[in-house]
PDB file of N, CA and C in Angstrom:
ATOM      1  N   UNK A   1      -9.428  13.777 -23.971  1.00  0.00           N
ATOM      2  CA  UNK A   1      -9.359  14.380 -22.647  1.00  0.00           C
ATOM      3  C   UNK A   1      -9.446  13.303 -21.559  1.00  0.00           C
ATOM      4  N   UNK A   2     -10.388  12.398 -21.722  1.00  0.00           N
ATOM      5  CA  UNK A   2     -10.515  11.313 -20.748  1.00  0.00           C
ATOM      6  C   UNK A   2      -9.292  10.404 -20.801  1.00  0.00           C
ATOM      7  N   UNK A   3      -8.745  10.244 -22.009  1.00  0.00           N
ATOM      8  CA  UNK A   3      -7.540   9.417 -22.159  1.00  0.00           C
ATOM      9  C   UNK A   3      -6.400  10.001 -21.329  1.00  0.00           C
ATOM     10  N   UNK A   4      -6.244  11.318 -21.388  1.00  0.00           N
ATOM     11  CA  UNK A   4      -5.163  11.950 -20.618  1.00  0.00           C
ATOM     12  C   UNK A   4      -5.337  11.724 -19.116  1.00  0.00           C
ATOM     13  N   UNK A   5      -6.585  11.802 -18.676  1.00  0.00           N
ATOM     14  CA  UNK A   5      -6.869  11.577 -17.253  1.00  0.00           C
ATOM     15  C   UNK A   5      -6.483  10.152 -16.854  1.00  0.00           C
ATOM     16  N   UNK A   6      -6.855   9.182 -17.681  1.00  0.00           N
ATOM     17  CA  UNK A   6      -6.540   7.783 -17.374  1.00  0.00           C
ATOM     18  C   UNK A   6      -5.037   7.549 -17.498  1.00  0.00           C
ATOM     19  N   UNK A   7      -4.390   8.168 -18.491  1.00  0.00           N
ATOM     20  CA  UNK A   7      -2.930   8.043 -18.625  1.00  0.00           C
ATOM     21  C   UNK A   7      -2.233   8.556 -17.366  1.00  0.00           C
ATOM     22  N   UNK A   8      -2.741   9.661 -16.846  1.00  0.00           N
ATOM     23  CA  UNK A   8      -2.164  10.231 -15.622  1.00  0.00           C
ATOM     24  C   UNK A   8      -2.343   9.259 -14.449  1.00  0.00           C
ATOM     25  N   UNK A   9      -3.518   8.642 -14.371  1.00  0.00           N
ATOM     26  CA  UNK A   9      -3.778   7.664 -13.313  1.00  0.00           C
ATOM     27  C   UNK A   9      -2.834   6.471 -13.443  1.00  0.00           C
ATOM     28  N   UNK A  10      -2.658   5.983 -14.671  1.00  0.00           N
ATOM     29  CA  UNK A  10      -1.757   4.851 -14.913  1.00  0.00           C
ATOM     30  C   UNK A  10      -0.335   5.223 -14.485  1.00  0.00           C
ATOM     31  N   UNK A  11       0.114   6.410 -14.878  1.00  0.00           N
ATOM     32  CA  UNK A  11       1.468   6.847 -14.542  1.00  0.00           C
ATOM     33  C   UNK A  11       1.654   6.974 -13.032  1.00  0.00           C
ATOM     34  N   UNK A  12       0.673   7.580 -12.365  1.00  0.00           N
ATOM     35  CA  UNK A  12       0.767   7.745 -10.913  1.00  0.00           C
ATOM     36  C   UNK A  12       0.793   6.388 -10.213  1.00  0.00           C
ATOM     37  N   UNK A  13      -0.034   5.477 -10.691  1.00  0.00           N
ATOM     38  CA  UNK A  13      -0.085   4.146 -10.090  1.00  0.00           C
ATOM     39  C   UNK A  13       1.230   3.409 -10.316  1.00  0.00           C
ATOM     40  N   UNK A  14       1.812   3.550 -11.509  1.00  0.00           N
ATOM     41  CA  UNK A  14       3.126   2.948 -11.779  1.00  0.00           C
ATOM     42  C   UNK A  14       4.170   3.502 -10.821  1.00  0.00           C
ATOM     43  N   UNK A  15       4.118   4.811 -10.584  1.00  0.00           N
ATOM     44  CA  UNK A  15       5.056   5.435  -9.647  1.00  0.00           C
ATOM     45  C   UNK A  15       4.867   4.883  -8.239  1.00  0.00           C
ATOM     46  N   UNK A  16       3.604   4.725  -7.830  1.00  0.00           N
ATOM     47  CA  UNK A  16       3.313   4.175  -6.505  1.00  0.00           C
ATOM     48  C   UNK A  16       3.832   2.744  -6.380  1.00  0.00           C
ATOM     49  N   UNK A  17       3.615   1.940  -7.417  1.00  0.00           N
ATOM     50  CA  UNK A  17       4.083   0.549  -7.413  1.00  0.00           C
ATOM     51  C   UNK A  17       5.603   0.515  -7.280  1.00  0.00           C
ATOM     52  N   UNK A  18       6.273   1.336  -8.049  1.00  0.00           N
ATOM     53  CA  UNK A  18       7.735   1.373  -8.013  1.00  0.00           C
ATOM     54  C   UNK A  18       8.241   1.781  -6.628  1.00  0.00           C
ATOM     55  N   UNK A  19       7.622   2.806  -6.058  1.00  0.00           N
ATOM     56  CA  UNK A  19       8.017   3.281  -4.728  1.00  0.00           C
ATOM     57  C   UNK A  19       7.808   2.186  -3.683  1.00  0.00           C
ATOM     58  N   UNK A  20       6.656   1.539  -3.734  1.00  0.00           N
ATOM     59  CA  UNK A  20       6.364   0.478  -2.769  1.00  0.00           C
ATOM     60  C   UNK A  20       7.314  -0.704  -2.930  1.00  0.00           C
ATOM     61  N   UNK A  21       7.617  -1.063  -4.167  1.00  0.00           N
ATOM     62  CA  UNK A  21       8.569  -2.159  -4.396  1.00  0.00           C
ATOM     63  C   UNK A  21       9.919  -1.835  -3.773  1.00  0.00           C
ATOM     64  N   UNK A  22      10.363  -0.585  -3.932  1.00  0.00           N
ATOM     65  CA  UNK A  22      11.640  -0.172  -3.345  1.00  0.00           C
ATOM     66  C   UNK A  22      11.591  -0.234  -1.818  1.00  0.00           C
ATOM     67  N   UNK A  23      10.493   0.274  -1.246  1.00  0.00           N
ATOM     68  CA  UNK A  23      10.357   0.271   0.211  1.00  0.00           C
ATOM     69  C   UNK A  23      10.324  -1.160   0.755  1.00  0.00           C
ATOM     70  N   UNK A  24       9.593  -2.027   0.075  1.00  0.00           N
ATOM     71  CA  UNK A  24       9.492  -3.423   0.519  1.00  0.00           C
ATOM     72  C   UNK A  24      10.843  -4.115   0.423  1.00  0.00           C
ATOM     73  N   UNK A  25      11.549  -3.886  -0.662  1.00  0.00           N
ATOM     74  CA  UNK A  25      12.872  -4.486  -0.826  1.00  0.00           C
ATOM     75  C   UNK A  25      13.811  -4.045   0.295  1.00  0.00           C
ATOM     76  N   UNK A  26      13.765  -2.760   0.612  1.00  0.00           N
ATOM     77  CA  UNK A  26      14.606  -2.239   1.695  1.00  0.00           C
ATOM     78  C   UNK A  26      14.222  -2.880   3.035  1.00  0.00           C
ATOM     79  N   UNK A  27      12.920  -2.995   3.274  1.00  0.00           N
ATOM     80  CA  UNK A  27      12.460  -3.598   4.530  1.00  0.00           C
ATOM     81  C   UNK A  27      12.831  -5.078   4.597  1.00  0.00           C
ATOM     82  N   UNK A  28      12.721  -5.773   3.477  1.00  0.00           N
ATOM     83  CA  UNK A  28      13.090  -7.189   3.456  1.00  0.00           C
ATOM     84  C   UNK A  28      14.578  -7.365   3.738  1.00  0.00           C
ATOM     85  N   UNK A  29      15.383  -6.441   3.242  1.00  0.00           N
ATOM     86  CA  UNK A  29      16.818  -6.475   3.515  1.00  0.00           C
ATOM     87  C   UNK A  29      17.071  -6.284   5.009  1.00  0.00           C
ATOM     88  N   UNK A  30      16.302  -5.379   5.617  1.00  0.00           N
ATOM     89  CA  UNK A  30      16.452  -5.128   7.052  1.00  0.00           C
ATOM     90  C   UNK A  30      16.075  -6.351   7.889  1.00  0.00           C
ATOM     91  N   UNK A  31      15.248  -7.231   7.332  1.00  0.00           N
ATOM     92  CA  UNK A  31      14.835  -8.431   8.075  1.00  0.00           C
ATOM     93  C   UNK A  31      16.003  -9.364   8.378  1.00  0.00           C
ATOM     94  N   UNK A  32      17.118  -9.202   7.671  1.00  0.00           N
ATOM     95  CA  UNK A  32      18.291 -10.031   7.960  1.00  0.00           C
ATOM     96  C   UNK A  32      18.873  -9.689   9.333  1.00  0.00           C
ATOM     97  N   UNK A  33      18.516  -8.518   9.839  1.00  0.00           N
ATOM     98  CA  UNK A  33      18.910  -8.124  11.187  1.00  0.00           C
ATOM     99  C   UNK A  33      17.961  -8.827  12.169  1.00  0.00           C
ATOM    100  N   UNK A  34      18.493  -9.662  13.058  1.00  0.00           N
ATOM    101  CA  UNK A  34      17.632 -10.414  13.988  1.00  0.00           C
ATOM    102  C   UNK A  34      16.699  -9.528  14.817  1.00  0.00           C
ATOM    103  N   UNK A  35      17.166  -8.329  15.160  1.00  0.00           N
ATOM    104  CA  UNK A  35      16.314  -7.423  15.938  1.00  0.00           C
ATOM    105  C   UNK A  35      15.077  -7.028  15.136  1.00  0.00           C
ATOM    106  N   UNK A  36      15.266  -6.742  13.860  1.00  0.00           N
ATOM    107  CA  UNK A  36      14.139  -6.365  13.000  1.00  0.00           C
ATOM    108  C   UNK A  36      13.225  -7.554  12.757  1.00  0.00           C
ATOM    109  N   UNK A  37      13.825  -8.715  12.554  1.00  0.00           N
ATOM    110  CA  UNK A  37      13.044  -9.920  12.265  1.00  0.00           C
ATOM    111  C   UNK A  37      12.130 -10.280  13.435  1.00  0.00           C
ATOM    112  N   UNK A  38      12.551  -9.945  14.650  1.00  0.00           N
ATOM    113  CA  UNK A  38      11.734 -10.265  15.822  1.00  0.00           C
ATOM    114  C   UNK A  38      10.852  -9.090  16.254  1.00  0.00           C
ATOM    115  N   UNK A  39      10.920  -7.989  15.526  1.00  0.00           N
ATOM    116  CA  UNK A  39      10.108  -6.801  15.825  1.00  0.00           C
ATOM    117  C   UNK A  39       8.745  -6.952  15.139  1.00  0.00           C
ATOM    118  N   UNK A  40       7.738  -7.328  15.921  1.00  0.00           N
ATOM    119  CA  UNK A  40       6.418  -7.603  15.334  1.00  0.00           C
ATOM    120  C   UNK A  40       5.819  -6.366  14.668  1.00  0.00           C
ATOM    121  N   UNK A  41       6.089  -5.198  15.209  1.00  0.00           N
ATOM    122  CA  UNK A  41       5.600  -3.947  14.603  1.00  0.00           C
ATOM    123  C   UNK A  41       6.192  -3.773  13.198  1.00  0.00           C
ATOM    124  N   UNK A  42       7.485  -4.019  13.087  1.00  0.00           N
ATOM    125  CA  UNK A  42       8.163  -3.896  11.794  1.00  0.00           C
ATOM    126  C   UNK A  42       7.600  -4.902  10.791  1.00  0.00           C
ATOM    127  N   UNK A  43       7.415  -6.132  11.235  1.00  0.00           N
ATOM    128  CA  UNK A  43       6.881  -7.182  10.360  1.00  0.00           C
ATOM    129  C   UNK A  43       5.466  -6.824   9.908  1.00  0.00           C
ATOM    130  N   UNK A  44       4.664  -6.262  10.817  1.00  0.00           N
ATOM    131  CA  UNK A  44       3.305  -5.845  10.449  1.00  0.00           C
ATOM    132  C   UNK A  44       3.341  -4.710   9.427  1.00  0.00           C
ATOM    133  N   UNK A  45       4.276  -3.785   9.588  1.00  0.00           N
ATOM    134  CA  UNK A  45       4.417  -2.693   8.619  1.00  0.00           C
ATOM    135  C   UNK A  45       4.786  -3.244   7.245  1.00  0.00           C
ATOM    136  N   UNK A  46       5.672  -4.217   7.223  1.00  0.00           N
ATOM    137  CA  UNK A  46       6.071  -4.849   5.965  1.00  0.00           C
ATOM    138  C   UNK A  46       4.868  -5.528   5.310  1.00  0.00           C
ATOM    139  N   UNK A  47       4.108  -6.265   6.087  1.00  0.00           N
ATOM    140  CA  UNK A  47       2.923  -6.938   5.551  1.00  0.00           C
ATOM    141  C   UNK A  47       1.907  -5.930   5.019  1.00  0.00           C
ATOM    142  N   UNK A  48       1.767  -4.814   5.710  1.00  0.00           N
ATOM    143  CA  UNK A  48       0.850  -3.755   5.260  1.00  0.00           C
ATOM    144  C   UNK A  48       1.308  -3.201   3.909  1.00  0.00           C
ATOM    145  N   UNK A  49       2.601  -2.965   3.781  1.00  0.00           N
ATOM    146  CA  UNK A  49       3.149  -2.460   2.510  1.00  0.00           C
ATOM    147  C   UNK A  49       2.936  -3.473   1.391  1.00  0.00           C
ATOM    148  N   UNK A  50       3.097  -4.751   1.699  1.00  0.00           N
ATOM    149  CA  UNK A  50       2.891  -5.792   0.684  1.00  0.00           C
ATOM    150  C   UNK A  50       1.434  -5.824   0.221  1.00  0.00           C
ATOM    151  N   UNK A  51       0.499  -5.655   1.156  1.00  0.00           N
ATOM    152  CA  UNK A  51      -0.924  -5.603   0.780  1.00  0.00           C
ATOM    153  C   UNK A  51      -1.216  -4.355  -0.048  1.00  0.00           C
ATOM    154  N   UNK A  52      -0.603  -3.237   0.351  1.00  0.00           N
ATOM    155  CA  UNK A  52      -0.775  -1.986  -0.391  1.00  0.00           C
ATOM    156  C   UNK A  52      -0.239  -2.140  -1.818  1.00  0.00           C
ATOM    157  N   UNK A  53       0.885  -2.822  -1.957  1.00  0.00           N
ATOM    158  CA  UNK A  53       1.456  -3.069  -3.280  1.00  0.00           C
ATOM    159  C   UNK A  53       0.494  -3.899  -4.126  1.00  0.00           C
ATOM    160  N   UNK A  54      -0.063  -4.947  -3.548  1.00  0.00           N
ATOM    161  CA  UNK A  54      -1.026  -5.779  -4.281  1.00  0.00           C
ATOM    162  C   UNK A  54      -2.203  -4.940  -4.768  1.00  0.00           C
ATOM    163  N   UNK A  55      -2.692  -4.042  -3.912  1.00  0.00           N
ATOM    164  CA  UNK A  55      -3.817  -3.181  -4.273  1.00  0.00           C
ATOM    165  C   UNK A  55      -3.426  -2.239  -5.411  1.00  0.00           C
ATOM    166  N   UNK A  56      -2.240  -1.659  -5.333  1.00  0.00           N
ATOM    167  CA  UNK A  56      -1.790  -0.731  -6.380  1.00  0.00           C
ATOM    168  C   UNK A  56      -1.606  -1.452  -7.711  1.00  0.00           C
ATOM    169  N   UNK A  57      -1.105  -2.670  -7.671  1.00  0.00           N
ATOM    170  CA  UNK A  57      -0.949  -3.445  -8.907  1.00  0.00           C
ATOM    171  C   UNK A  57      -2.324  -3.709  -9.516  1.00  0.00           C
ATOM    172  N   UNK A  58      -3.283  -4.040  -8.674  1.00  0.00           N
ATOM    173  CA  UNK A  58      -4.655  -4.257  -9.151  1.00  0.00           C
ATOM    174  C   UNK A  58      -5.204  -2.976  -9.779  1.00  0.00           C
ATOM    175  N   UNK A  59      -5.017  -1.829  -9.115  1.00  0.00           N
ATOM    176  CA  UNK A  59      -5.475  -0.538  -9.648  1.00  0.00           C
ATOM    177  C   UNK A  59      -4.796  -0.244 -10.983  1.00  0.00           C
ATOM    178  N   UNK A  60      -3.502  -0.556 -11.070  1.00  0.00           N
ATOM    179  CA  UNK A  60      -2.774  -0.326 -12.318  1.00  0.00           C
ATOM    180  C   UNK A  60      -3.357  -1.179 -13.444  1.00  0.00           C
ATOM    181  N   UNK A  61      -3.645  -2.444 -13.151  1.00  0.00           N
ATOM    182  CA  UNK A  61      -4.218  -3.336 -14.171  1.00  0.00           C
ATOM    183  C   UNK A  61      -5.553  -2.799 -14.676  1.00  0.00           C
ATOM    184  N   UNK A  62      -6.407  -2.362 -13.760  1.00  0.00           N
ATOM    185  CA  UNK A  62      -7.717  -1.829 -14.136  1.00  0.00           C
ATOM    186  C   UNK A  62      -7.549  -0.563 -14.975  1.00  0.00           C
ATOM    187  N   UNK A  63      -6.708   0.345 -14.535  1.00  0.00           N
ATOM    188  CA  UNK A  63      -6.487   1.603 -15.261  1.00  0.00           C
ATOM    189  C   UNK A  63      -5.885   1.348 -16.636  1.00  0.00           C
ATOM    190  N   UNK A  64      -4.957   0.414 -16.710  1.00  0.00           N
ATOM    191  CA  UNK A  64      -4.326   0.095 -17.995  1.00  0.00           C
ATOM    192  C   UNK A  64      -5.345  -0.479 -18.971  1.00  0.00           C
ATOM    193  N   UNK A  65      -6.212  -1.360 -18.480  1.00  0.00           N
ATOM    194  CA  UNK A  65      -7.263  -1.924 -19.335  1.00  0.00           C
ATOM    195  C   UNK A  65      -8.209  -0.831 -19.815  1.00  0.00           C
ATOM    196  N   UNK A  66      -8.560   0.064 -18.906  1.00  0.00           N
ATOM    197  CA  UNK A  66      -9.451   1.175 -19.252  1.00  0.00           C
ATOM    198  C   UNK A  66      -8.805   2.051 -20.323  1.00  0.00           C
ATOM    199  N   UNK A  67      -7.519   2.312 -20.182  1.00  0.00           N
ATOM    200  CA  UNK A  67      -6.801   3.125 -21.154  1.00  0.00           C
ATOM    201  C   UNK A  67      -6.790   2.451 -22.521  1.00  0.00           C
ATOM    202  N   UNK A  68      -6.521   1.164 -22.547  1.00  0.00           N
ATOM    203  CA  UNK A  68      -6.511   0.425 -23.819  1.00  0.00           C
ATOM    204  C   UNK A  68      -7.883   0.464 -24.487  1.00  0.00           C
ATOM    205  N   UNK A  69      -8.936   0.328 -23.692  1.00  0.00           N
ATOM    206  CA  UNK A  69     -10.291   0.380 -24.242  1.00  0.00           C
ATOM    207  C   UNK A  69     -10.585   1.751 -24.841  1.00  0.00           C
ATOM    208  N   UNK A  70     -10.181   2.803 -24.145  1.00  0.00           N
ATOM    209  CA  UNK A  70     -10.404   4.161 -24.651  1.00  0.00           C
ATOM    210  C   UNK A  70      -9.640   4.394 -25.951  1.00  0.00           C
ATOM    211  N   UNK A  71      -8.402   3.929 -25.993  1.00  0.00           N
ATOM    212  CA  UNK A  71      -7.597   4.096 -27.208  1.00  0.00           C
ATOM    213  C   UNK A  71      -8.188   3.296 -28.361  1.00  0.00           C
ATOM    214  N   UNK A  72      -8.722   2.116 -28.067  1.00  0.00           N
ATOM    215  CA  UNK A  72      -9.315   1.276 -29.110  1.00  0.00           C
ATOM    216  C   UNK A  72     -10.551   1.942 -29.711  1.00  0.00           C
ATOM    217  N   UNK A  73     -11.295   2.659 -28.904  1.00  0.00           N
ATOM    218  CA  UNK A  73     -12.495   3.348 -29.389  1.00  0.00           C
ATOM    219  C   UNK A  73     -12.145   4.456 -30.376  1.00  0.00           C
ATOM    220  N   UNK A  74     -10.956   5.017 -30.240  1.00  0.00           N
ATOM    221  CA  UNK A  74     -10.543   6.119 -31.116  1.00  0.00           C
ATOM    222  C   UNK A  74     -10.064   5.638 -32.474  1.00  0.00           C
ATOM    223  N   UNK A  75      -9.764   4.360 -32.577  1.00  0.00           N
ATOM    224  CA  UNK A  75      -9.230   3.832 -33.842  1.00  0.00           C
ATOM    225  C   UNK A  75     -10.329   3.603 -34.841  1.00  0.00           C
TER     226      UNK A  75
END
């Protein structure tokens, strides 16, 4: 039961990471536009998304380790 809960957390975090990666890639592409590149608000939003991505990757690593530990206990 706890394994399912952690699996769900891992899956949700993977989805969040994927979504953020897509959003960041799109924003980085927009930076080729000089207007966007000089828009400090836009650049700050991009930096915020990059920090959020780092946090989600960290959460995914922790959840994945927890899941592996739970599965190992069942063996």
